[in-house]
Amino acid sequence: MSKIRKILVSVLALAMTTALLTGCGGKKDAGAAGAAGGAGTEVDPASLAFPLAEKAEISGLTSFPVGSESEPNN
């Protein structure tokens, strides 16, 4: 390798290591607040009733061989 290439590789490795350590670092309080869900998001468990009033619809795609039934519920 040429000398310039070795220097470039070293600089890039140092930059990636710095970015990794910067991304993984931080204040301890910021992680604790994120894990708790933040302020004002707590719900009283006694106020919950099942089934929930919100309706949800799940849709997706299926693949099937040619000539087979196209309706997956049949």
PDB file of N, CA and C in Angstrom:
ATOM      1  N   MET A   1       0.834  -1.187   0.000  1.00  0.00           N
ATOM      2  CA  MET A   1       0.000   0.000   0.000  1.00  0.00           C
ATOM      3  C   MET A   1       0.874   1.243   0.000  1.00  0.00           C
ATOM      4  N   SER A   2       0.349   2.238  -0.629  1.00  0.00           N
ATOM      5  CA  SER A   2       1.109   3.473  -0.630  1.00  0.00           C
ATOM      6  C   SER A   2       0.910   4.184   0.705  1.00  0.00           C
ATOM      7  N   LYS A   3       1.776   5.137   0.965  1.00  0.00           N
ATOM      8  CA  LYS A   3       1.731   5.855   2.234  1.00  0.00           C
ATOM      9  C   LYS A   3       0.437   6.657   2.370  1.00  0.00           C
ATOM     10  N   ILE A   4      -0.037   7.248   1.283  1.00  0.00           N
ATOM     11  CA  ILE A   4      -1.268   8.042   1.318  1.00  0.00           C
ATOM     12  C   ILE A   4      -2.463   7.143   1.631  1.00  0.00           C
ATOM     13  N   ARG A   5      -2.470   5.959   1.040  1.00  0.00           N
ATOM     14  CA  ARG A   5      -3.574   5.030   1.281  1.00  0.00           C
ATOM     15  C   ARG A   5      -3.598   4.574   2.737  1.00  0.00           C
ATOM     16  N   LYS A   6      -2.449   4.321   3.334  1.00  0.00           N
ATOM     17  CA  LYS A   6      -2.374   3.923   4.735  1.00  0.00           C
ATOM     18  C   LYS A   6      -2.886   5.036   5.641  1.00  0.00           C
ATOM     19  N   ILE A   7      -2.532   6.260   5.327  1.00  0.00           N
ATOM     20  CA  ILE A   7      -2.995   7.403   6.126  1.00  0.00           C
ATOM     21  C   ILE A   7      -4.514   7.549   5.994  1.00  0.00           C
ATOM     22  N   LEU A   8      -5.033   7.400   4.769  1.00  0.00           N
ATOM     23  CA  LEU A   8      -6.466   7.507   4.536  1.00  0.00           C
ATOM     24  C   LEU A   8      -7.229   6.421   5.294  1.00  0.00           C
ATOM     25  N   VAL A   9      -6.733   5.207   5.276  1.00  0.00           N
ATOM     26  CA  VAL A   9      -7.375   4.111   6.001  1.00  0.00           C
ATOM     27  C   VAL A   9      -7.362   4.390   7.505  1.00  0.00           C
ATOM     28  N   SER A  10      -6.260   4.893   8.018  1.00  0.00           N
ATOM     29  CA  SER A  10      -6.160   5.211   9.444  1.00  0.00           C
ATOM     30  C   SER A  10      -7.128   6.322   9.837  1.00  0.00           C
ATOM     31  N   VAL A  11      -7.243   7.360   9.014  1.00  0.00           N
ATOM     32  CA  VAL A  11      -8.153   8.470   9.299  1.00  0.00           C
ATOM     33  C   VAL A  11      -9.601   7.985   9.273  1.00  0.00           C
ATOM     34  N   LEU A  12      -9.957   7.175   8.290  1.00  0.00           N
ATOM     35  CA  LEU A  12     -11.319   6.656   8.217  1.00  0.00           C
ATOM     36  C   LEU A  12     -11.642   5.740   9.389  1.00  0.00           C
ATOM     37  N   ALA A  13     -10.689   4.906   9.805  1.00  0.00           N
ATOM     38  CA  ALA A  13     -10.905   4.037  10.960  1.00  0.00           C
ATOM     39  C   ALA A  13     -11.088   4.865  12.230  1.00  0.00           C
ATOM     40  N   LEU A  14     -10.311   5.913  12.383  1.00  0.00           N
ATOM     41  CA  LEU A  14     -10.444   6.793  13.533  1.00  0.00           C
ATOM     42  C   LEU A  14     -11.797   7.506  13.525  1.00  0.00           C
ATOM     43  N   ALA A  15     -12.247   7.943  12.346  1.00  0.00           N
ATOM     44  CA  ALA A  15     -13.542   8.621  12.237  1.00  0.00           C
ATOM     45  C   ALA A  15     -14.686   7.665  12.575  1.00  0.00           C
ATOM     46  N   MET A  16     -14.617   6.432  12.101  1.00  0.00           N
ATOM     47  CA  MET A  16     -15.672   5.456  12.406  1.00  0.00           C
ATOM     48  C   MET A  16     -15.685   5.106  13.887  1.00  0.00           C
ATOM     49  N   THR A  17     -14.513   4.975  14.490  1.00  0.00           N
ATOM     50  CA  THR A  17     -14.446   4.680  15.920  1.00  0.00           C
ATOM     51  C   THR A  17     -15.003   5.829  16.735  1.00  0.00           C
ATOM     52  N   THR A  18     -14.686   7.051  16.354  1.00  0.00           N
ATOM     53  CA  THR A  18     -15.207   8.233  17.041  1.00  0.00           C
ATOM     54  C   THR A  18     -16.723   8.302  16.915  1.00  0.00           C
ATOM     55  N   ALA A  19     -17.251   8.037  15.723  1.00  0.00           N
ATOM     56  CA  ALA A  19     -18.697   8.053  15.514  1.00  0.00           C
ATOM     57  C   ALA A  19     -19.382   6.964  16.337  1.00  0.00           C
ATOM     58  N   LEU A  20     -18.765   5.808  16.433  1.00  0.00           N
ATOM     59  CA  LEU A  20     -19.332   4.711  17.219  1.00  0.00           C
ATOM     60  C   LEU A  20     -19.391   5.076  18.690  1.00  0.00           C
ATOM     61  N   LEU A  21     -18.311   5.614  19.211  1.00  0.00           N
ATOM     62  CA  LEU A  21     -18.277   5.973  20.626  1.00  0.00           C
ATOM     63  C   LEU A  21     -19.190   7.146  20.935  1.00  0.00           C
ATOM     64  N   THR A  22     -19.334   8.067  20.002  1.00  0.00           N
ATOM     65  CA  THR A  22     -20.232   9.205  20.195  1.00  0.00           C
ATOM     66  C   THR A  22     -21.682   8.742  20.190  1.00  0.00           C
ATOM     67  N   GLY A  23     -22.032   7.844  19.308  1.00  0.00           N
ATOM     68  CA  GLY A  23     -23.397   7.335  19.217  1.00  0.00           C
ATOM     69  C   GLY A  23     -23.781   6.502  20.420  1.00  0.00           C
ATOM     70  N   CYS A  24     -22.843   5.784  20.999  1.00  0.00           N
ATOM     71  CA  CYS A  24     -23.134   4.934  22.148  1.00  0.00           C
ATOM     72  C   CYS A  24     -23.046   5.693  23.467  1.00  0.00           C
ATOM     73  N   GLY A  25     -22.442   6.860  23.452  1.00  0.00           N
ATOM     74  CA  GLY A  25     -22.312   7.639  24.674  1.00  0.00           C
ATOM     75  C   GLY A  25     -23.557   8.458  24.925  1.00  0.00           C
ATOM     76  N   GLY A  26     -23.532   9.239  25.965  1.00  0.00           N
ATOM     77  CA  GLY A  26     -24.668  10.104  26.248  1.00  0.00           C
ATOM     78  C   GLY A  26     -24.933  10.142  27.732  1.00  0.00           C
ATOM     79  N   LYS A  27     -25.943  10.913  28.088  1.00  0.00           N
ATOM     80  CA  LYS A  27     -26.306  11.032  29.489  1.00  0.00           C
ATOM     81  C   LYS A  27     -27.111   9.828  29.934  1.00  0.00           C
ATOM     82  N   LYS A  28     -26.961   9.434  31.169  1.00  0.00           N
ATOM     83  CA  LYS A  28     -27.711   8.316  31.723  1.00  0.00           C
ATOM     84  C   LYS A  28     -29.186   8.671  31.884  1.00  0.00           C
ATOM     85  N   ASP A  29     -29.515   9.938  32.170  1.00  0.00           N
ATOM     86  CA  ASP A  29     -30.889  10.359  32.388  1.00  0.00           C
ATOM     87  C   ASP A  29     -31.714  10.273  31.111  1.00  0.00           C
ATOM     88  N   ALA A  30     -31.105  10.500  29.960  1.00  0.00           N
ATOM     89  CA  ALA A  30     -31.839  10.464  28.700  1.00  0.00           C
ATOM     90  C   ALA A  30     -32.337   9.056  28.412  1.00  0.00           C
ATOM     91  N   GLY A  31     -31.559   8.048  28.716  1.00  0.00           N
ATOM     92  CA  GLY A  31     -31.975   6.669  28.500  1.00  0.00           C
ATOM     93  C   GLY A  31     -33.070   6.251  29.451  1.00  0.00           C
ATOM     94  N   ALA A  32     -33.016   6.714  30.676  1.00  0.00           N
ATOM     95  CA  ALA A  32     -34.039   6.344  31.658  1.00  0.00           C
ATOM     96  C   ALA A  32     -35.378   6.966  31.304  1.00  0.00           C
ATOM     97  N   ALA A  33     -35.384   8.189  30.797  1.00  0.00           N
ATOM     98  CA  ALA A  33     -36.638   8.838  30.424  1.00  0.00           C
ATOM     99  C   ALA A  33     -37.242   8.160  29.205  1.00  0.00           C
ATOM    100  N   GLY A  34     -36.416   7.730  28.265  1.00  0.00           N
ATOM    101  CA  GLY A  34     -36.913   7.053  27.081  1.00  0.00           C
ATOM    102  C   GLY A  34     -37.489   5.690  27.407  1.00  0.00           C
ATOM    103  N   ALA A  35     -36.889   4.988  28.354  1.00  0.00           N
ATOM    104  CA  ALA A  35     -37.375   3.671  28.721  1.00  0.00           C
ATOM    105  C   ALA A  35     -38.698   3.750  29.464  1.00  0.00           C
ATOM    106  N   ALA A  36     -38.924   4.835  30.207  1.00  0.00           N
ATOM    107  CA  ALA A  36     -40.158   4.980  30.970  1.00  0.00           C
ATOM    108  C   ALA A  36     -41.303   5.465  30.096  1.00  0.00           C
ATOM    109  N   GLY A  37     -41.030   5.856  28.862  1.00  0.00           N
ATOM    110  CA  GLY A  37     -42.079   6.297  27.965  1.00  0.00           C
ATOM    111  C   GLY A  37     -42.262   7.797  27.943  1.00  0.00           C
ATOM    112  N   GLY A  38     -41.495   8.537  28.666  1.00  0.00           N
ATOM    113  CA  GLY A  38     -41.604   9.986  28.658  1.00  0.00           C
ATOM    114  C   GLY A  38     -42.676  10.463  29.627  1.00  0.00           C
ATOM    115  N   ALA A  39     -42.813  11.767  29.724  1.00  0.00           N
ATOM    116  CA  ALA A  39     -43.764  12.349  30.660  1.00  0.00           C
ATOM    117  C   ALA A  39     -45.153  12.400  30.046  1.00  0.00           C
ATOM    118  N   GLY A  40     -46.153  12.160  30.861  1.00  0.00           N
ATOM    119  CA  GLY A  40     -47.527  12.297  30.429  1.00  0.00           C
ATOM    120  C   GLY A  40     -48.071  11.140  29.618  1.00  0.00           C
ATOM    121  N   THR A  41     -47.395  10.004  29.577  1.00  0.00           N
ATOM    122  CA  THR A  41     -47.879   8.876  28.790  1.00  0.00           C
ATOM    123  C   THR A  41     -48.419   7.749  29.648  1.00  0.00           C
ATOM    124  N   GLU A  42     -48.445   7.934  30.936  1.00  0.00           N
ATOM    125  CA  GLU A  42     -48.929   6.869  31.810  1.00  0.00           C
ATOM    126  C   GLU A  42     -50.452   6.794  31.767  1.00  0.00           C
ATOM    127  N   VAL A  43     -50.970   5.576  31.763  1.00  0.00           N
ATOM    128  CA  VAL A  43     -52.407   5.339  31.713  1.00  0.00           C
ATOM    129  C   VAL A  43     -52.794   4.584  32.976  1.00  0.00           C
ATOM    130  N   ASP A  44     -53.906   4.983  33.564  1.00  0.00           N
ATOM    131  CA  ASP A  44     -54.409   4.301  34.751  1.00  0.00           C
ATOM    132  C   ASP A  44     -54.924   2.922  34.337  1.00  0.00           C
ATOM    133  N   PRO A  45     -54.359   1.841  34.868  1.00  0.00           N
ATOM    134  CA  PRO A  45     -54.797   0.499  34.477  1.00  0.00           C
ATOM    135  C   PRO A  45     -56.269   0.235  34.787  1.00  0.00           C
ATOM    136  N   ALA A  46     -56.835   0.898  35.787  1.00  0.00           N
ATOM    137  CA  ALA A  46     -58.236   0.686  36.125  1.00  0.00           C
ATOM    138  C   ALA A  46     -59.163   1.246  35.048  1.00  0.00           C
ATOM    139  N   SER A  47     -58.694   2.199  34.245  1.00  0.00           N
ATOM    140  CA  SER A  47     -59.534   2.797  33.216  1.00  0.00           C
ATOM    141  C   SER A  47     -59.564   1.973  31.923  1.00  0.00           C
ATOM    142  N   LEU A  48     -58.765   0.930  31.844  1.00  0.00           N
ATOM    143  CA  LEU A  48     -58.742   0.105  30.642  1.00  0.00           C
ATOM    144  C   LEU A  48     -59.827  -0.956  30.705  1.00  0.00           C
ATOM    145  N   ALA A  49     -60.487  -1.185  29.597  1.00  0.00           N
ATOM    146  CA  ALA A  49     -61.490  -2.238  29.485  1.00  0.00           C
ATOM    147  C   ALA A  49     -61.277  -2.941  28.155  1.00  0.00           C
ATOM    148  N   PHE A  50     -61.509  -4.231  28.152  1.00  0.00           N
ATOM    149  CA  PHE A  50     -61.339  -5.003  26.933  1.00  0.00           C
ATOM    150  C   PHE A  50     -62.683  -5.490  26.450  1.00  0.00           C
ATOM    151  N   PRO A  51     -62.990  -5.509  25.209  1.00  0.00           N
ATOM    152  CA  PRO A  51     -62.139  -5.070  24.110  1.00  0.00           C
ATOM    153  C   PRO A  51     -62.019  -3.553  24.071  1.00  0.00           C
ATOM    154  N   LEU A  52     -60.906  -3.084  23.596  1.00  0.00           N
ATOM    155  CA  LEU A  52     -60.672  -1.651  23.513  1.00  0.00           C
ATOM    156  C   LEU A  52     -61.622  -1.012  22.510  1.00  0.00           C
ATOM    157  N   ALA A  53     -61.926   0.258  22.710  1.00  0.00           N
ATOM    158  CA  ALA A  53     -62.850   0.969  21.830  1.00  0.00           C
ATOM    159  C   ALA A  53     -62.281   1.140  20.427  1.00  0.00           C
ATOM    160  N   GLU A  54     -60.975   1.146  20.297  1.00  0.00           N
ATOM    161  CA  GLU A  54     -60.350   1.317  18.986  1.00  0.00           C
ATOM    162  C   GLU A  54     -60.413   0.012  18.206  1.00  0.00           C
ATOM    163  N   LYS A  55     -60.780   0.101  16.943  1.00  0.00           N
ATOM    164  CA  LYS A  55     -60.795  -1.066  16.069  1.00  0.00           C
ATOM    165  C   LYS A  55     -59.536  -1.040  15.224  1.00  0.00           C
ATOM    166  N   ALA A  56     -58.970  -2.199  14.989  1.00  0.00           N
ATOM    167  CA  ALA A  56     -57.770  -2.293  14.170  1.00  0.00           C
ATOM    168  C   ALA A  56     -58.007  -3.299  13.061  1.00  0.00           C
ATOM    169  N   GLU A  57     -57.472  -3.005  11.901  1.00  0.00           N
ATOM    170  CA  GLU A  57     -57.567  -3.916  10.772  1.00  0.00           C
ATOM    171  C   GLU A  57     -56.157  -4.231  10.312  1.00  0.00           C
ATOM    172  N   ILE A  58     -55.881  -5.497  10.177  1.00  0.00           N
ATOM    173  CA  ILE A  58     -54.566  -5.940   9.731  1.00  0.00           C
ATOM    174  C   ILE A  58     -54.715  -6.450   8.307  1.00  0.00           C
ATOM    175  N   SER A  59     -53.898  -5.944   7.423  1.00  0.00           N
ATOM    176  CA  SER A  59     -53.924  -6.410   6.049  1.00  0.00           C
ATOM    177  C   SER A  59     -52.517  -6.792   5.638  1.00  0.00           C
ATOM    178  N   GLY A  60     -52.436  -7.670   4.683  1.00  0.00           N
ATOM    179  CA  GLY A  60     -51.125  -8.106   4.220  1.00  0.00           C
ATOM    180  C   GLY A  60     -51.234  -8.749   2.848  1.00  0.00           C
ATOM    181  N   LEU A  61     -50.130  -9.187   2.331  1.00  0.00           N
ATOM    182  CA  LEU A  61     -50.070  -9.832   1.034  1.00  0.00           C
ATOM    183  C   LEU A  61     -49.745 -11.300   1.212  1.00  0.00           C
ATOM    184  N   THR A  62     -50.332 -12.130   0.387  1.00  0.00           N
ATOM    185  CA  THR A  62     -49.998 -13.546   0.373  1.00  0.00           C
ATOM    186  C   THR A  62     -49.607 -13.928  -1.046  1.00  0.00           C
ATOM    187  N   SER A  63     -48.815 -14.929  -1.157  1.00  0.00           N
ATOM    188  CA  SER A  63     -48.485 -15.452  -2.478  1.00  0.00           C
ATOM    189  C   SER A  63     -48.956 -16.898  -2.522  1.00  0.00           C
ATOM    190  N   PHE A  64     -49.414 -17.332  -3.671  1.00  0.00           N
ATOM    191  CA  PHE A  64     -49.923 -18.674  -3.814  1.00  0.00           C
ATOM    192  C   PHE A  64     -49.567 -19.171  -5.203  1.00  0.00           C
ATOM    193  N   PRO A  65     -49.451 -20.477  -5.377  1.00  0.00           N
ATOM    194  CA  PRO A  65     -49.109 -21.015  -6.697  1.00  0.00           C
ATOM    195  C   PRO A  65     -50.233 -20.779  -7.704  1.00  0.00           C
ATOM    196  N   VAL A  66     -49.876 -20.709  -8.965  1.00  0.00           N
ATOM    197  CA  VAL A  66     -50.852 -20.510 -10.028  1.00  0.00           C
ATOM    198  C   VAL A  66     -51.797 -21.703 -10.048  1.00  0.00           C
ATOM    199  N   GLY A  67     -53.072 -21.427 -10.170  1.00  0.00           N
ATOM    200  CA  GLY A  67     -54.066 -22.497 -10.251  1.00  0.00           C
ATOM    201  C   GLY A  67     -54.614 -22.909  -8.900  1.00  0.00           C
ATOM    202  N   SER A  68     -54.121 -22.348  -7.812  1.00  0.00           N
ATOM    203  CA  SER A  68     -54.643 -22.702  -6.496  1.00  0.00           C
ATOM    204  C   SER A  68     -55.685 -21.675  -6.073  1.00  0.00           C
ATOM    205  N   GLU A  69     -56.319 -21.910  -4.945  1.00  0.00           N
ATOM    206  CA  GLU A  69     -57.336 -21.017  -4.419  1.00  0.00           C
ATOM    207  C   GLU A  69     -56.702 -19.691  -4.035  1.00  0.00           C
ATOM    208  N   SER A  70     -57.283 -18.580  -4.504  1.00  0.00           N
ATOM    209  CA  SER A  70     -56.713 -17.269  -4.213  1.00  0.00           C
ATOM    210  C   SER A  70     -57.185 -16.712  -2.886  1.00  0.00           C
ATOM    211  N   GLU A  71     -58.278 -17.240  -2.339  1.00  0.00           N
ATOM    212  CA  GLU A  71     -58.785 -16.780  -1.056  1.00  0.00           C
ATOM    213  C   GLU A  71     -58.144 -17.623   0.051  1.00  0.00           C
ATOM    214  N   PRO A  72     -57.313 -17.031   0.915  1.00  0.00           N
ATOM    215  CA  PRO A  72     -56.607 -17.824   1.933  1.00  0.00           C
ATOM    216  C   PRO A  72     -57.529 -18.399   3.012  1.00  0.00           C
ATOM    217  N   ASN A  73     -58.742 -17.873   3.161  1.00  0.00           N
ATOM    218  CA  ASN A  73     -59.646 -18.385   4.194  1.00  0.00           C
ATOM    219  C   ASN A  73     -60.427 -19.605   3.744  1.00  0.00           C
ATOM    220  N   ASN A  74     -60.363 -19.986   2.476  1.00  0.00           N
ATOM    221  CA  ASN A  74     -61.081 -21.178   1.982  1.00  0.00           C
ATOM    222  C   ASN A  74     -60.242 -22.417   2.156  1.00  0.00           C
TER     223      ASN A  74
END
